[in-house]
Amino acid sequence: MGGGGIRRRILDLLADHEGATAPAVARLLGIAPELARAHLGVLTAAGLLRAERSGGRTRYHRDEARIAEARDLFESGW
């Protein structure tokens, strides 16, 4: 599975969870924690996720507004 497939699975996973840490994402998707962190970083840099630090942990949440903007761009044939 390519990187885009993993990133799509992460976005789908986070749609069903109220945020998750990189180790939780890795465990739930059955991928290495380092791989989860790398893909979470790409999604965060793209603005599709928000990273919130608390108590030494980083939880990742979907940015629904940015995801909707990206979806609209692709659906318009961009």
N, C-alpha and C. Protein backbone atom coordinates (compact mmCIF):
# COMPACT_ATOMS: atom_id res chain seq x y z
N MET A 1 0.86 -1.18 0.00
CA MET A 1 0.00 0.00 0.00
C MET A 1 0.89 1.22 0.00
N GLY A 2 0.59 2.15 -0.89
CA GLY A 2 1.37 3.38 -0.96
C GLY A 2 1.04 4.32 0.17
N GLY A 3 1.84 5.40 0.24
CA GLY A 3 1.66 6.38 1.30
C GLY A 3 0.29 7.02 1.30
N GLY A 4 -0.26 7.25 0.10
CA GLY A 4 -1.59 7.85 0.03
C GLY A 4 -2.66 6.95 0.63
N GLY A 5 -2.51 5.65 0.45
CA GLY A 5 -3.47 4.70 1.03
C GLY A 5 -3.42 4.72 2.55
N ILE A 6 -2.23 4.79 3.10
CA ILE A 6 -2.09 4.85 4.55
C ILE A 6 -2.66 6.16 5.07
N ARG A 7 -2.36 7.24 4.39
CA ARG A 7 -2.88 8.54 4.85
C ARG A 7 -4.41 8.56 4.79
N ARG A 8 -4.99 7.96 3.77
CA ARG A 8 -6.45 7.88 3.68
C ARG A 8 -7.01 7.06 4.84
N ARG A 9 -6.35 5.96 5.17
CA ARG A 9 -6.79 5.13 6.30
C ARG A 9 -6.70 5.90 7.61
N ILE A 10 -5.66 6.73 7.75
CA ILE A 10 -5.53 7.55 8.96
C ILE A 10 -6.68 8.54 9.04
N LEU A 11 -6.98 9.21 7.94
CA LEU A 11 -8.09 10.17 7.94
C LEU A 11 -9.41 9.46 8.27
N ASP A 12 -9.62 8.28 7.70
CA ASP A 12 -10.84 7.52 7.99
C ASP A 12 -10.89 7.12 9.46
N LEU A 13 -9.77 6.67 9.98
CA LEU A 13 -9.69 6.26 11.39
C LEU A 13 -10.03 7.43 12.31
N LEU A 14 -9.45 8.59 12.02
CA LEU A 14 -9.68 9.74 12.89
C LEU A 14 -11.09 10.29 12.75
N ALA A 15 -11.80 9.94 11.69
CA ALA A 15 -13.20 10.34 11.56
C ALA A 15 -14.04 9.61 12.61
N ASP A 16 -13.58 8.44 13.03
CA ASP A 16 -14.31 7.62 14.00
C ASP A 16 -13.80 7.78 15.42
N HIS A 17 -12.73 8.55 15.62
CA HIS A 17 -12.14 8.74 16.95
C HIS A 17 -12.01 10.24 17.22
N GLU A 18 -12.12 10.61 18.46
CA GLU A 18 -11.98 12.02 18.85
C GLU A 18 -10.51 12.32 19.09
N GLY A 19 -9.71 12.15 18.05
CA GLY A 19 -8.27 12.36 18.15
C GLY A 19 -7.57 11.09 18.60
N ALA A 20 -6.30 10.97 18.24
CA ALA A 20 -5.51 9.80 18.61
C ALA A 20 -4.04 10.16 18.58
N THR A 21 -3.26 9.44 19.37
CA THR A 21 -1.81 9.61 19.37
C THR A 21 -1.21 8.76 18.25
N ALA A 22 0.04 9.04 17.91
CA ALA A 22 0.72 8.25 16.88
C ALA A 22 0.80 6.77 17.25
N PRO A 23 1.15 6.41 18.51
CA PRO A 23 1.17 4.99 18.85
C PRO A 23 -0.21 4.32 18.71
N ALA A 24 -1.27 5.05 19.05
CA ALA A 24 -2.62 4.48 18.90
C ALA A 24 -2.96 4.27 17.44
N VAL A 25 -2.63 5.24 16.59
CA VAL A 25 -2.87 5.11 15.15
C VAL A 25 -2.10 3.90 14.62
N ALA A 26 -0.85 3.77 15.01
CA ALA A 26 -0.03 2.65 14.55
C ALA A 26 -0.65 1.32 14.96
N ARG A 27 -1.07 1.22 16.21
CA ARG A 27 -1.66 -0.02 16.72
C ARG A 27 -2.96 -0.34 15.98
N LEU A 28 -3.82 0.65 15.81
CA LEU A 28 -5.12 0.42 15.17
C LEU A 28 -5.00 0.07 13.69
N LEU A 29 -3.97 0.59 13.03
CA LEU A 29 -3.78 0.30 11.60
C LEU A 29 -2.81 -0.84 11.34
N GLY A 30 -2.13 -1.31 12.39
CA GLY A 30 -1.18 -2.40 12.22
C GLY A 30 0.07 -1.98 11.46
N ILE A 31 0.53 -0.75 11.71
CA ILE A 31 1.75 -0.26 11.05
C ILE A 31 2.76 0.14 12.12
N ALA A 32 4.00 0.32 11.73
CA ALA A 32 5.05 0.72 12.67
C ALA A 32 4.79 2.14 13.18
N PRO A 33 5.09 2.39 14.46
CA PRO A 33 4.89 3.74 15.01
C PRO A 33 5.63 4.82 14.23
N GLU A 34 6.83 4.53 13.75
CA GLU A 34 7.59 5.51 12.98
C GLU A 34 6.87 5.87 11.69
N LEU A 35 6.26 4.86 11.07
CA LEU A 35 5.51 5.09 9.83
C LEU A 35 4.27 5.93 10.12
N ALA A 36 3.59 5.64 11.21
CA ALA A 36 2.42 6.43 11.60
C ALA A 36 2.82 7.88 11.83
N ARG A 37 3.91 8.10 12.56
CA ARG A 37 4.37 9.47 12.83
C ARG A 37 4.69 10.22 11.54
N ALA A 38 5.34 9.53 10.61
CA ALA A 38 5.70 10.17 9.34
C ALA A 38 4.45 10.60 8.58
N HIS A 39 3.47 9.73 8.48
CA HIS A 39 2.24 10.06 7.75
C HIS A 39 1.41 11.11 8.48
N LEU A 40 1.38 11.04 9.81
CA LEU A 40 0.68 12.07 10.58
C LEU A 40 1.34 13.43 10.34
N GLY A 41 2.66 13.44 10.23
CA GLY A 41 3.38 14.68 9.94
C GLY A 41 3.03 15.25 8.59
N VAL A 42 2.92 14.39 7.58
CA VAL A 42 2.54 14.85 6.23
C VAL A 42 1.13 15.44 6.25
N LEU A 43 0.21 14.75 6.91
CA LEU A 43 -1.18 15.22 6.96
C LEU A 43 -1.29 16.52 7.75
N THR A 44 -0.48 16.66 8.79
CA THR A 44 -0.48 17.89 9.59
C THR A 44 0.09 19.04 8.77
N ALA A 45 1.21 18.79 8.08
CA ALA A 45 1.83 19.82 7.24
C ALA A 45 0.88 20.27 6.12
N ALA A 46 0.06 19.35 5.63
CA ALA A 46 -0.90 19.68 4.58
C ALA A 46 -2.12 20.43 5.13
N GLY A 47 -2.22 20.51 6.44
CA GLY A 47 -3.33 21.22 7.07
C GLY A 47 -4.58 20.38 7.25
N LEU A 48 -4.49 19.08 6.98
CA LEU A 48 -5.66 18.21 7.11
C LEU A 48 -5.86 17.71 8.53
N LEU A 49 -4.80 17.77 9.33
CA LEU A 49 -4.87 17.40 10.75
C LEU A 49 -4.36 18.54 11.60
N ARG A 50 -4.82 18.57 12.84
CA ARG A 50 -4.30 19.49 13.86
C ARG A 50 -3.62 18.63 14.91
N ALA A 51 -2.46 19.06 15.37
CA ALA A 51 -1.73 18.35 16.42
C ALA A 51 -1.85 19.16 17.71
N GLU A 52 -2.31 18.51 18.77
CA GLU A 52 -2.46 19.17 20.06
C GLU A 52 -1.61 18.43 21.09
N ARG A 53 -0.67 19.18 21.69
CA ARG A 53 0.20 18.59 22.71
C ARG A 53 -0.41 18.81 24.09
N SER A 54 -0.36 17.76 24.90
CA SER A 54 -0.86 17.85 26.27
C SER A 54 -0.20 16.75 27.08
N GLY A 55 0.44 17.15 28.18
CA GLY A 55 1.05 16.16 29.05
C GLY A 55 2.11 15.30 28.38
N GLY A 56 2.87 15.88 27.46
CA GLY A 56 3.93 15.12 26.80
C GLY A 56 3.45 14.24 25.66
N ARG A 57 2.17 14.28 25.36
CA ARG A 57 1.61 13.48 24.26
C ARG A 57 1.05 14.41 23.20
N THR A 58 1.09 13.94 21.98
CA THR A 58 0.49 14.69 20.88
C THR A 58 -0.70 13.89 20.37
N ARG A 59 -1.84 14.54 20.35
CA ARG A 59 -3.06 13.93 19.80
C ARG A 59 -3.37 14.62 18.48
N TYR A 60 -3.74 13.83 17.50
CA TYR A 60 -4.04 14.34 16.17
C TYR A 60 -5.55 14.31 15.95
N HIS A 61 -6.06 15.41 15.39
CA HIS A 61 -7.48 15.57 15.12
C HIS A 61 -7.65 16.02 13.67
N ARG A 62 -8.72 15.58 13.05
CA ARG A 62 -9.04 16.04 11.69
C ARG A 62 -9.41 17.51 11.72
N ASP A 63 -9.02 18.24 10.68
CA ASP A 63 -9.48 19.61 10.47
C ASP A 63 -10.56 19.52 9.39
N GLU A 64 -11.80 19.41 9.84
CA GLU A 64 -12.90 19.14 8.92
C GLU A 64 -13.06 20.23 7.86
N ALA A 65 -12.83 21.49 8.22
CA ALA A 65 -12.96 22.57 7.25
C ALA A 65 -11.93 22.43 6.13
N ARG A 66 -10.69 22.14 6.49
CA ARG A 66 -9.64 21.98 5.47
C ARG A 66 -9.87 20.74 4.62
N ILE A 67 -10.35 19.67 5.23
CA ILE A 67 -10.65 18.46 4.47
C ILE A 67 -11.76 18.74 3.46
N ALA A 68 -12.78 19.48 3.87
CA ALA A 68 -13.87 19.84 2.95
C ALA A 68 -13.35 20.70 1.80
N GLU A 69 -12.46 21.65 2.09
CA GLU A 69 -11.88 22.48 1.03
C GLU A 69 -11.12 21.63 0.02
N ALA A 70 -10.31 20.69 0.52
CA ALA A 70 -9.54 19.82 -0.37
C ALA A 70 -10.47 18.95 -1.21
N ARG A 71 -11.51 18.40 -0.59
CA ARG A 71 -12.47 17.57 -1.32
C ARG A 71 -13.13 18.39 -2.43
N ASP A 72 -13.53 19.63 -2.11
CA ASP A 72 -14.17 20.49 -3.11
C ASP A 72 -13.24 20.77 -4.29
N LEU A 73 -11.96 21.00 -4.01
CA LEU A 73 -10.99 21.24 -5.08
C LEU A 73 -10.91 20.05 -6.03
N PHE A 74 -10.81 18.85 -5.47
CA PHE A 74 -10.69 17.66 -6.31
C PHE A 74 -11.97 17.38 -7.06
N GLU A 75 -13.11 17.59 -6.42
CA GLU A 75 -14.39 17.33 -7.08
C GLU A 75 -14.67 18.33 -8.20
N SER A 76 -14.08 19.52 -8.12
CA SER A 76 -14.29 20.52 -9.16
C SER A 76 -13.38 20.29 -10.37
N GLY A 77 -12.55 19.24 -10.30
CA GLY A 77 -11.67 18.92 -11.41
C GLY A 77 -10.34 19.64 -11.38
N TRP A 78 -9.98 20.18 -10.25
CA TRP A 78 -8.73 20.90 -10.09
C TRP A 78 -7.55 20.09 -10.50
